[in-house]
Each structure stands twice: as C-alpha cells, then as structure tokens.
Amino acid sequence: MNNHLNDEQLRQLVRQSWTASPRADAGFRAAVWARIEAGRRLPATWSAWLKANLAGVAVYAAASIVVAGTGGGLLATNQAKRERDQLIQRYVASIDPHQRANAQGNP
C-alpha cells in the first residue's frame, strides 16, 4: 500500500486546504502616507535640526554653563580657604616660638 503522494497531488491538496484570505485594511494607504509625511517634516541635516531646536539647545547649554561655573567656583573657594588656613598656620609658627616647637614635633 503506497500512502505517499507525488508532488502534483501534494500541490493540489495544499492549494485546496490552505487558502489565504487577508483582510483589507481601509486605512492602510492613509497610514503609509502619514508616516511618509511625518518623515519629511523631520530635519534632514544637523543645521536644520539645530535651527528647529535652537531654543531648547540654548537652554541646556546655558544650564550646563551655570552648573559648571557654580561647581568650579565652590571648589575654588574651598581650595583657597584651605590654602589660606595653611598660610596662616605657617606664619604663626614662624613668629611664635611655642607654635614653632609644636610644628617641629617638640612638645
């Protein structure tokens, strides 16, 4: 008993049993054109993007400058205070014999 189908019989069987019936989407064409138009509205070059977003870029640039300036100023102020305190201690040790002895490690 031969249960194997030849290629032609198999093709006919597949055609009869497998039918594709895709549903037509009424808004498909409109959605495609909407995506195309949305892509056209996006700037194609960096200069066009910058012109379109200059205000936002300027705000971020100004904010980063303010943050960097404030942070740098605070760090510089702390460093200057530490250095000033060291200079004062050195000066006092240079003119006061008791401070000079303590600075050298002698009690």
Protein backbone atom coordinates (compact mmCIF):
# COMPACT_ATOMS: atom_id res chain seq x y z
CA MET A 1 0.00 0.00 0.00
CA ASN A 2 1.53 3.32 -1.13
CA ASN A 3 0.40 6.25 1.06
CA HIS A 4 2.92 8.74 -0.36
CA LEU A 5 1.55 11.40 -2.65
CA ASN A 6 3.53 12.59 -5.61
CA ASP A 7 4.42 16.27 -5.97
CA GLU A 8 1.47 17.18 -8.19
CA GLN A 9 -1.07 15.57 -5.88
CA LEU A 10 0.55 17.28 -2.89
CA ARG A 11 0.39 20.68 -4.60
CA GLN A 12 -3.31 20.23 -5.37
CA LEU A 13 -4.02 19.15 -1.80
CA VAL A 14 -2.18 22.15 -0.41
CA ARG A 15 -4.00 24.55 -2.76
CA GLN A 16 -7.35 23.16 -1.68
CA SER A 17 -6.68 23.16 2.06
CA TRP A 18 -4.55 26.29 2.51
CA THR A 19 -6.27 29.39 1.35
CA ALA A 20 -5.16 32.78 2.48
CA SER A 21 -7.77 35.45 2.79
CA PRO A 22 -6.15 38.59 4.13
CA ARG A 23 -8.39 41.30 5.47
CA ALA A 24 -8.14 44.59 3.66
CA ASP A 25 -7.31 47.50 5.92
CA ALA A 26 -9.17 50.56 4.74
CA GLY A 27 -6.74 52.95 6.46
CA PHE A 28 -3.54 51.27 5.29
CA ARG A 29 -2.79 53.68 2.46
CA ALA A 30 -3.57 56.73 4.60
CA ALA A 31 -1.34 55.42 7.39
CA VAL A 32 1.55 54.87 4.97
CA TRP A 33 1.28 58.40 3.60
CA ALA A 34 1.00 59.81 7.11
CA ARG A 35 4.30 58.12 8.04
CA ILE A 36 5.93 59.41 4.87
CA GLU A 37 4.80 62.97 5.60
CA ALA A 38 5.97 62.70 9.21
CA GLY A 39 9.40 61.67 7.92
CA ARG A 40 9.52 64.64 5.58
CA ARG A 41 8.86 67.04 8.44
CA LEU A 42 11.92 65.84 10.34
CA PRO A 43 15.05 67.86 9.61
CA ALA A 44 17.47 66.05 7.35
CA THR A 45 20.68 67.82 8.43
CA TRP A 46 22.25 68.87 11.70
CA SER A 47 21.92 72.54 10.84
CA ALA A 48 18.20 72.15 10.09
CA TRP A 49 17.72 70.28 13.36
CA LEU A 50 19.64 72.98 15.23
CA LYS A 51 17.53 75.74 13.67
CA ALA A 52 14.36 73.91 14.67
CA ASN A 53 15.56 73.22 18.22
CA LEU A 54 17.78 76.23 18.92
CA ALA A 55 15.81 77.44 21.92
CA GLY A 56 15.99 74.07 23.68
CA VAL A 57 19.67 73.64 22.90
CA ALA A 58 20.40 77.15 24.19
CA VAL A 59 18.59 76.43 27.47
CA TYR A 60 20.58 73.23 28.02
CA ALA A 61 23.84 74.96 27.12
CA ALA A 62 23.15 77.85 29.50
CA ALA A 63 22.15 75.47 32.29
CA SER A 64 25.31 73.42 31.88
CA ILE A 65 27.45 76.57 31.93
CA VAL A 66 25.75 77.77 35.12
CA VAL A 67 26.18 74.39 36.82
CA ALA A 68 29.82 74.12 35.76
CA GLY A 69 30.57 77.70 36.82
CA THR A 70 28.90 77.29 40.20
CA GLY A 71 30.62 73.98 40.88
CA GLY A 72 34.00 75.32 39.82
CA GLY A 73 33.54 78.45 41.93
CA LEU A 74 32.66 76.42 45.01
CA LEU A 75 35.66 74.13 44.52
CA ALA A 76 37.99 77.09 44.04
CA THR A 77 36.62 78.83 47.15
CA ASN A 78 37.19 75.73 49.29
CA GLN A 79 40.71 75.28 47.93
CA ALA A 80 41.55 78.94 48.56
CA LYS A 81 40.22 78.69 52.13
CA ARG A 82 42.37 75.60 52.81
CA GLU A 83 45.46 77.28 51.38
CA ARG A 84 44.79 80.47 53.38
CA ASP A 85 44.44 78.47 56.60
CA GLN A 86 47.75 76.72 55.88
CA LEU A 87 49.49 80.05 55.21
CA ILE A 88 48.13 81.48 58.47
CA GLN A 89 49.39 78.44 60.40
CA ARG A 90 52.83 78.70 58.79
CA TYR A 91 53.04 82.42 59.56
CA VAL A 92 52.02 81.97 63.17
CA ALA A 93 54.54 79.14 63.53
CA SER A 94 57.26 81.34 62.05
CA ILE A 95 56.76 84.18 64.57
CA ASP A 96 55.65 82.33 67.72
CA PRO A 97 58.29 80.15 69.38
CA HIS A 98 55.67 77.94 71.02
CA GLN A 99 53.97 77.30 67.70
CA ARG A 100 57.36 76.64 66.08
CA ALA A 101 58.14 73.95 68.63
CA ASN A 102 54.75 72.29 68.14
CA ALA A 103 55.13 72.38 64.35
CA GLN A 104 58.53 70.65 64.59
CA GLY A 105 57.12 67.92 66.80
CA ASN A 106 58.74 69.03 70.09
CA PRO A 107 56.32 69.49 72.99
